[in-house]
Amino acid sequence: WIGATCTTPKTCSVCGVVDGTALGHSWTDATCTDPMSCSRCGIVSGQPNGHNFVGGSCTVCGTADPDAVPEPSDTGVISGSVTSYLTNDPVTITLTLDGNTDPSYTITLAEGATDYSLDGVEYGTYTMSVSKAAHVTRDYTVAVGVAASVVDVKILPIGDATGDGRVVISDVARVYAHVRKTNLITDEYLLKCADALSDGRVNVGDVSRLYGHIRNITKLF
């Protein structure tokens, strides 16, 4: 005997005689995103129910409405992890709403903290600036809306042109290759890190400054 399936009864593999009836499909209900399906054979039937968005989210499954238009008074959450180097000095994070010049929100993490969270942030698009002593400030563009925003951030020490969190001889070589145009630094943030003199340019002066740091002649930090 070959066991019965959803659509065929128990059948003899030798002579073909059948016994009983097919099991029939065992249907599971359709959801917002999946149609009705058989738990035995996996066949599907019909269409998903679709979301029922009310007040910015689905009343059935809780999914946020991507087309919801936020009210000006609505607020959201930004959170994530922070990667930095050298010391446990505190990291400062500021949010500046597009079109503004003064920061809208500021948070300073405890020394050594590796996570952050900003609650009650009004909906909008912000520039998030992340800074720490002896590091190059980094800017991120963050949109705050119905769904919580998770933004993991990473900042590097001044002079770290390779992005590994250290300032060593390989950084001198990397900046020198950029100056000689044999291997240009194309990443905008790494280019800022390579600017050891902080004068808005990357040239032989930065190579010399980095070399002085490595040789403990004139330390960057």
C-alpha atoms as a PDB file:
ATOM      1  CA  TRP A   1       0.000   0.000   0.000  1.00  0.00           C
ATOM      2  CA  ILE A   2       0.985   3.550  -0.776  1.00  0.00           C
ATOM      3  CA  GLY A   3      -0.443   5.855   1.836  1.00  0.00           C
ATOM      4  CA  ALA A   4      -3.325   8.150   1.024  1.00  0.00           C
ATOM      5  CA  THR A   5      -2.595  11.767   0.159  1.00  0.00           C
ATOM      6  CA  CYS A   6      -4.731  14.881   0.041  1.00  0.00           C
ATOM      7  CA  THR A   7      -5.963  14.007  -3.436  1.00  0.00           C
ATOM      8  CA  THR A   8      -5.531  10.213  -3.794  1.00  0.00           C
ATOM      9  CA  PRO A   9      -6.708   7.283  -1.604  1.00  0.00           C
ATOM     10  CA  LYS A  10      -4.482   4.495  -0.311  1.00  0.00           C
ATOM     11  CA  THR A  11      -3.306   2.577  -3.391  1.00  0.00           C
ATOM     12  CA  CYS A  12      -1.613  -0.755  -4.028  1.00  0.00           C
ATOM     13  CA  SER A  13       1.659  -0.225  -5.866  1.00  0.00           C
ATOM     14  CA  VAL A  14       1.365  -3.697  -7.485  1.00  0.00           C
ATOM     15  CA  CYS A  15      -2.159  -3.930  -8.828  1.00  0.00           C
ATOM     16  CA  GLY A  16      -3.448  -0.383  -8.491  1.00  0.00           C
ATOM     17  CA  VAL A  17      -6.457  -1.204  -6.330  1.00  0.00           C
ATOM     18  CA  VAL A  18      -7.500   1.604  -4.006  1.00  0.00           C
ATOM     19  CA  ASP A  19      -8.764   1.472  -0.444  1.00  0.00           C
ATOM     20  CA  GLY A  20     -10.780   4.196   1.215  1.00  0.00           C
ATOM     21  CA  THR A  21     -10.755   7.814   0.124  1.00  0.00           C
ATOM     22  CA  ALA A  22      -8.297  10.656  -0.242  1.00  0.00           C
ATOM     23  CA  LEU A  23      -7.487  12.538   2.935  1.00  0.00           C
ATOM     24  CA  GLY A  24      -8.545  15.886   1.540  1.00  0.00           C
ATOM     25  CA  HIS A  25      -6.694  19.126   2.151  1.00  0.00           C
ATOM     26  CA  SER A  26      -6.156  20.454   5.667  1.00  0.00           C
ATOM     27  CA  TRP A  27      -6.429  24.184   5.113  1.00  0.00           C
ATOM     28  CA  THR A  28      -4.827  26.844   7.249  1.00  0.00           C
ATOM     29  CA  ASP A  29      -6.398  30.277   7.158  1.00  0.00           C
ATOM     30  CA  ALA A  30      -5.056  32.983   4.890  1.00  0.00           C
ATOM     31  CA  THR A  31      -3.069  35.778   6.548  1.00  0.00           C
ATOM     32  CA  CYS A  32      -2.349  39.367   5.554  1.00  0.00           C
ATOM     33  CA  THR A  33       0.557  38.269   3.368  1.00  0.00           C
ATOM     34  CA  ASP A  34      -0.031  34.559   2.611  1.00  0.00           C
ATOM     35  CA  PRO A  35      -2.973  32.774   0.943  1.00  0.00           C
ATOM     36  CA  MET A  36      -4.823  29.797   2.426  1.00  0.00           C
ATOM     37  CA  SER A  37      -2.579  26.716   2.285  1.00  0.00           C
ATOM     38  CA  CYS A  38      -2.732  22.978   2.997  1.00  0.00           C
ATOM     39  CA  SER A  39      -0.711  21.949   6.031  1.00  0.00           C
ATOM     40  CA  ARG A  40      -0.197  18.471   4.507  1.00  0.00           C
ATOM     41  CA  CYS A  41       0.918  19.100   0.928  1.00  0.00           C
ATOM     42  CA  GLY A  42       1.614  22.832   0.871  1.00  0.00           C
ATOM     43  CA  ILE A  43      -0.723  23.690  -2.011  1.00  0.00           C
ATOM     44  CA  VAL A  44      -2.149  27.222  -1.828  1.00  0.00           C
ATOM     45  CA  SER A  45      -5.586  28.529  -2.687  1.00  0.00           C
ATOM     46  CA  GLY A  46      -6.923  32.010  -3.214  1.00  0.00           C
ATOM     47  CA  GLN A  47      -5.140  35.223  -2.265  1.00  0.00           C
ATOM     48  CA  PRO A  48      -3.733  36.775   0.926  1.00  0.00           C
ATOM     49  CA  ASN A  49      -6.232  38.802   2.930  1.00  0.00           C
ATOM     50  CA  GLY A  50      -4.123  41.951   2.681  1.00  0.00           C
ATOM     51  CA  HIS A  51      -3.379  44.405   5.471  1.00  0.00           C
ATOM     52  CA  ASN A  52      -6.055  46.430   7.226  1.00  0.00           C
ATOM     53  CA  PHE A  53      -4.208  49.659   7.965  1.00  0.00           C
ATOM     54  CA  VAL A  54      -5.714  51.894  10.627  1.00  0.00           C
ATOM     55  CA  GLY A  55      -3.835  54.679  12.368  1.00  0.00           C
ATOM     56  CA  GLY A  56      -0.506  53.832  10.715  1.00  0.00           C
ATOM     57  CA  SER A  57      -0.440  50.062  11.325  1.00  0.00           C
ATOM     58  CA  CYS A  58      -2.295  46.860  10.402  1.00  0.00           C
ATOM     59  CA  THR A  59      -4.993  45.954  12.948  1.00  0.00           C
ATOM     60  CA  VAL A  60      -4.419  42.245  12.264  1.00  0.00           C
ATOM     61  CA  CYS A  61      -0.621  41.740  12.284  1.00  0.00           C
ATOM     62  CA  GLY A  62       0.755  45.101  13.440  1.00  0.00           C
ATOM     63  CA  THR A  63       2.821  45.849  10.322  1.00  0.00           C
ATOM     64  CA  ALA A  64       3.523  49.567   9.913  1.00  0.00           C
ATOM     65  CA  ASP A  65       1.761  51.287   7.000  1.00  0.00           C
ATOM     66  CA  PRO A  66       4.548  52.393   4.606  1.00  0.00           C
ATOM     67  CA  ASP A  67       2.231  54.999   3.082  1.00  0.00           C
ATOM     68  CA  ALA A  68       1.078  56.536   6.362  1.00  0.00           C
ATOM     69  CA  VAL A  69       1.418  60.313   6.492  1.00  0.00           C
ATOM     70  CA  PRO A  70       2.696  61.237   9.957  1.00  0.00           C
ATOM     71  CA  GLU A  71       1.183  64.047  11.936  1.00  0.00           C
ATOM     72  CA  PRO A  72       3.566  66.853  12.917  1.00  0.00           C
ATOM     73  CA  SER A  73       3.133  65.983  16.585  1.00  0.00           C
ATOM     74  CA  ASP A  74       4.005  62.303  16.123  1.00  0.00           C
ATOM     75  CA  THR A  75       7.317  61.080  17.517  1.00  0.00           C
ATOM     76  CA  GLY A  76       9.550  58.079  16.915  1.00  0.00           C
ATOM     77  CA  VAL A  77      12.616  56.304  18.228  1.00  0.00           C
ATOM     78  CA  ILE A  78      16.187  56.081  16.938  1.00  0.00           C
ATOM     79  CA  SER A  79      18.496  53.495  18.437  1.00  0.00           C
ATOM     80  CA  GLY A  80      21.530  51.397  17.559  1.00  0.00           C
ATOM     81  CA  SER A  81      25.091  50.486  18.421  1.00  0.00           C
ATOM     82  CA  VAL A  82      28.160  52.734  18.566  1.00  0.00           C
ATOM     83  CA  THR A  83      31.654  51.642  17.511  1.00  0.00           C
ATOM     84  CA  SER A  84      34.616  53.858  18.441  1.00  0.00           C
ATOM     85  CA  TYR A  85      38.232  53.380  19.473  1.00  0.00           C
ATOM     86  CA  LEU A  86      41.213  54.490  21.582  1.00  0.00           C
ATOM     87  CA  THR A  87      39.600  55.282  24.948  1.00  0.00           C
ATOM     88  CA  ASN A  88      36.313  55.032  26.824  1.00  0.00           C
ATOM     89  CA  ASP A  89      35.651  58.755  26.453  1.00  0.00           C
ATOM     90  CA  PRO A  90      31.937  59.517  26.023  1.00  0.00           C
ATOM     91  CA  VAL A  91      30.367  59.694  22.565  1.00  0.00           C
ATOM     92  CA  THR A  92      28.038  62.592  21.730  1.00  0.00           C
ATOM     93  CA  ILE A  93      25.205  62.217  19.230  1.00  0.00           C
ATOM     94  CA  THR A  94      23.236  65.183  17.891  1.00  0.00           C
ATOM     95  CA  LEU A  95      20.240  65.310  15.572  1.00  0.00           C
ATOM     96  CA  THR A  96      19.632  68.364  13.413  1.00  0.00           C
ATOM     97  CA  LEU A  97      16.365  68.572  11.498  1.00  0.00           C
ATOM     98  CA  ASP A  98      16.760  69.278   7.780  1.00  0.00           C
ATOM     99  CA  GLY A  99      16.536  73.013   7.195  1.00  0.00           C
ATOM    100  CA  ASN A 100      17.692  73.892  10.714  1.00  0.00           C
ATOM    101  CA  THR A 101      21.131  74.980  11.862  1.00  0.00           C
ATOM    102  CA  ASP A 102      20.870  74.229  15.581  1.00  0.00           C
ATOM    103  CA  PRO A 103      20.684  70.642  16.864  1.00  0.00           C
ATOM    104  CA  SER A 104      17.186  69.439  17.732  1.00  0.00           C
ATOM    105  CA  TYR A 105      18.289  66.620  20.053  1.00  0.00           C
ATOM    106  CA  THR A 106      21.564  65.802  21.815  1.00  0.00           C
ATOM    107  CA  ILE A 107      22.621  62.792  23.849  1.00  0.00           C
ATOM    108  CA  THR A 108      25.991  62.055  25.476  1.00  0.00           C
ATOM    109  CA  LEU A 109      26.614  58.412  26.256  1.00  0.00           C
ATOM    110  CA  ALA A 110      28.228  57.216  29.438  1.00  0.00           C
ATOM    111  CA  GLU A 111      31.933  56.373  29.156  1.00  0.00           C
ATOM    112  CA  GLY A 112      32.381  53.053  27.382  1.00  0.00           C
ATOM    113  CA  ALA A 113      28.722  52.782  26.332  1.00  0.00           C
ATOM    114  CA  THR A 114      28.207  50.900  23.058  1.00  0.00           C
ATOM    115  CA  ASP A 115      24.459  51.445  22.568  1.00  0.00           C
ATOM    116  CA  TYR A 116      22.230  54.494  22.324  1.00  0.00           C
ATOM    117  CA  SER A 117      18.544  55.322  22.128  1.00  0.00           C
ATOM    118  CA  LEU A 118      16.757  58.590  21.400  1.00  0.00           C
ATOM    119  CA  ASP A 119      13.041  58.567  22.238  1.00  0.00           C
ATOM    120  CA  GLY A 120      10.380  61.118  21.428  1.00  0.00           C
ATOM    121  CA  VAL A 121      11.997  62.366  18.212  1.00  0.00           C
ATOM    122  CA  GLU A 122       9.532  64.244  16.016  1.00  0.00           C
ATOM    123  CA  TYR A 123       8.987  62.763  12.569  1.00  0.00           C
ATOM    124  CA  GLY A 124      11.282  64.146   9.899  1.00  0.00           C
ATOM    125  CA  THR A 125      14.671  63.767   8.226  1.00  0.00           C
ATOM    126  CA  TYR A 126      17.718  64.549  10.353  1.00  0.00           C
ATOM    127  CA  THR A 127      21.478  64.789  10.111  1.00  0.00           C
ATOM    128  CA  MET A 128      22.903  62.623  12.892  1.00  0.00           C
ATOM    129  CA  SER A 129      26.405  63.730  13.940  1.00  0.00           C
ATOM    130  CA  VAL A 130      28.507  61.344  16.015  1.00  0.00           C
ATOM    131  CA  SER A 131      31.601  62.696  17.770  1.00  0.00           C
ATOM    132  CA  LYS A 132      34.222  61.697  20.333  1.00  0.00           C
ATOM    133  CA  ALA A 133      37.584  63.031  21.488  1.00  0.00           C
ATOM    134  CA  ALA A 134      40.427  62.297  19.003  1.00  0.00           C
ATOM    135  CA  HIS A 135      37.908  60.964  16.467  1.00  0.00           C
ATOM    136  CA  VAL A 136      36.617  62.407  13.208  1.00  0.00           C
ATOM    137  CA  THR A 137      32.968  63.446  13.478  1.00  0.00           C
ATOM    138  CA  ARG A 138      30.728  61.422  11.187  1.00  0.00           C
ATOM    139  CA  ASP A 139      27.329  62.442   9.776  1.00  0.00           C
ATOM    140  CA  TYR A 140      24.458  60.142   8.920  1.00  0.00           C
ATOM    141  CA  THR A 141      21.099  60.946   7.304  1.00  0.00           C
ATOM    142  CA  VAL A 142      18.245  59.479   9.336  1.00  0.00           C
ATOM    143  CA  ALA A 143      14.514  59.454   8.561  1.00  0.00           C
ATOM    144  CA  VAL A 144      12.264  59.197  11.610  1.00  0.00           C
ATOM    145  CA  GLY A 145       8.764  57.878  10.967  1.00  0.00           C
ATOM    146  CA  VAL A 146       6.178  55.336  12.069  1.00  0.00           C
ATOM    147  CA  ALA A 147       8.656  52.463  12.312  1.00  0.00           C
ATOM    148  CA  ALA A 148      11.545  52.676  14.781  1.00  0.00           C
ATOM    149  CA  SER A 149      14.843  53.595  13.114  1.00  0.00           C
ATOM    150  CA  VAL A 150      17.853  51.398  13.869  1.00  0.00           C
ATOM    151  CA  VAL A 151      21.127  53.089  12.897  1.00  0.00           C
ATOM    152  CA  ASP A 152      24.435  51.485  13.872  1.00  0.00           C
ATOM    153  CA  VAL A 153      27.217  54.086  13.811  1.00  0.00           C
ATOM    154  CA  LYS A 154      31.008  53.897  13.611  1.00  0.00           C
ATOM    155  CA  ILE A 155      33.595  56.646  14.032  1.00  0.00           C
ATOM    156  CA  LEU A 156      37.349  56.446  13.490  1.00  0.00           C
ATOM    157  CA  PRO A 157      40.395  58.123  15.048  1.00  0.00           C
ATOM    158  CA  ILE A 158      42.043  61.102  13.355  1.00  0.00           C
ATOM    159  CA  GLY A 159      44.576  59.716  10.861  1.00  0.00           C
ATOM    160  CA  ASP A 160      42.967  56.279  10.495  1.00  0.00           C
ATOM    161  CA  ALA A 161      42.919  56.148   6.690  1.00  0.00           C
ATOM    162  CA  THR A 162      42.463  52.374   6.532  1.00  0.00           C
ATOM    163  CA  GLY A 163      39.389  52.193   8.800  1.00  0.00           C
ATOM    164  CA  ASP A 164      40.703  49.584  11.245  1.00  0.00           C
ATOM    165  CA  GLY A 165      40.525  51.758  14.357  1.00  0.00           C
ATOM    166  CA  ARG A 166      44.302  52.237  14.659  1.00  0.00           C
ATOM    167  CA  VAL A 167      46.804  54.834  13.464  1.00  0.00           C
ATOM    168  CA  VAL A 168      49.884  52.887  12.395  1.00  0.00           C
ATOM    169  CA  ILE A 169      52.430  52.781   9.584  1.00  0.00           C
ATOM    170  CA  SER A 170      49.887  51.318   7.144  1.00  0.00           C
ATOM    171  CA  ASP A 171      47.918  54.564   7.428  1.00  0.00           C
ATOM    172  CA  VAL A 172      51.020  56.554   6.480  1.00  0.00           C
ATOM    173  CA  ALA A 173      51.430  54.328   3.413  1.00  0.00           C
ATOM    174  CA  ARG A 174      47.728  54.645   2.536  1.00  0.00           C
ATOM    175  CA  VAL A 175      47.769  58.446   2.643  1.00  0.00           C
ATOM    176  CA  TYR A 176      51.055  58.544   0.712  1.00  0.00           C
ATOM    177  CA  ALA A 177      49.513  56.384  -2.032  1.00  0.00           C
ATOM    178  CA  HIS A 178      46.580  58.787  -2.210  1.00  0.00           C
ATOM    179  CA  VAL A 179      48.878  61.807  -2.468  1.00  0.00           C
ATOM    180  CA  ARG A 180      50.899  60.085  -5.204  1.00  0.00           C
ATOM    181  CA  LYS A 181      47.595  59.178  -6.949  1.00  0.00           C
ATOM    182  CA  THR A 182      48.540  55.501  -7.116  1.00  0.00           C
ATOM    183  CA  ASN A 183      45.629  54.419  -4.896  1.00  0.00           C
ATOM    184  CA  LEU A 184      43.080  57.163  -4.276  1.00  0.00           C
ATOM    185  CA  ILE A 185      40.921  57.196  -1.163  1.00  0.00           C
ATOM    186  CA  THR A 186      37.394  57.441  -2.545  1.00  0.00           C
ATOM    187  CA  ASP A 187      35.390  57.012   0.649  1.00  0.00           C
ATOM    188  CA  GLU A 188      34.397  60.503   1.832  1.00  0.00           C
ATOM    189  CA  TYR A 189      34.666  59.698   5.534  1.00  0.00           C
ATOM    190  CA  LEU A 190      38.043  57.928   5.233  1.00  0.00           C
ATOM    191  CA  LEU A 191      39.279  60.957   3.304  1.00  0.00           C
ATOM    192  CA  LYS A 192      38.358  63.148   6.287  1.00  0.00           C
ATOM    193  CA  CYS A 193      40.213  60.734   8.578  1.00  0.00           C
ATOM    194  CA  ALA A 194      43.292  60.955   6.333  1.00  0.00           C
ATOM    195  CA  ASP A 195      43.326  64.747   6.782  1.00  0.00           C
ATOM    196  CA  ALA A 196      45.606  64.618   9.838  1.00  0.00           C
ATOM    197  CA  LEU A 197      46.168  68.407   9.725  1.00  0.00           C
ATOM    198  CA  SER A 198      42.389  69.053   9.626  1.00  0.00           C
ATOM    199  CA  ASP A 199      42.832  71.721   6.965  1.00  0.00           C
ATOM    200  CA  GLY A 200      40.384  70.288   4.439  1.00  0.00           C
ATOM    201  CA  ARG A 201      43.112  68.856   2.201  1.00  0.00           C
ATOM    202  CA  VAL A 202      45.036  65.577   2.016  1.00  0.00           C
ATOM    203  CA  ASN A 203      48.606  66.169   0.919  1.00  0.00           C
ATOM    204  CA  VAL A 204      52.219  65.493   1.838  1.00  0.00           C
ATOM    205  CA  GLY A 205      51.763  67.523   5.029  1.00  0.00           C
ATOM    206  CA  ASP A 206      49.342  64.879   6.304  1.00  0.00           C
ATOM    207  CA  VAL A 207      51.842  62.138   5.455  1.00  0.00           C
ATOM    208  CA  SER A 208      54.486  63.952   7.509  1.00  0.00           C
ATOM    209  CA  ARG A 209      52.048  64.542  10.379  1.00  0.00           C
ATOM    210  CA  LEU A 210      51.064  60.886  10.522  1.00  0.00           C
ATOM    211  CA  TYR A 211      54.683  59.765  10.385  1.00  0.00           C
ATOM    212  CA  GLY A 212      55.485  62.090  13.282  1.00  0.00           C
ATOM    213  CA  HIS A 213      52.677  60.494  15.273  1.00  0.00           C
ATOM    214  CA  ILE A 214      53.896  56.974  14.557  1.00  0.00           C
ATOM    215  CA  ARG A 215      57.460  57.956  15.562  1.00  0.00           C
ATOM    216  CA  ASN A 216      56.144  59.579  18.787  1.00  0.00           C
ATOM    217  CA  ILE A 217      57.566  62.949  17.700  1.00  0.00           C
ATOM    218  CA  THR A 218      54.341  64.941  17.426  1.00  0.00           C
ATOM    219  CA  LYS A 219      51.349  62.975  18.680  1.00  0.00           C
ATOM    220  CA  LEU A 220      47.935  63.452  17.106  1.00  0.00           C
ATOM    221  CA  PHE A 221      46.187  62.576  20.358  1.00  0.00           C
END
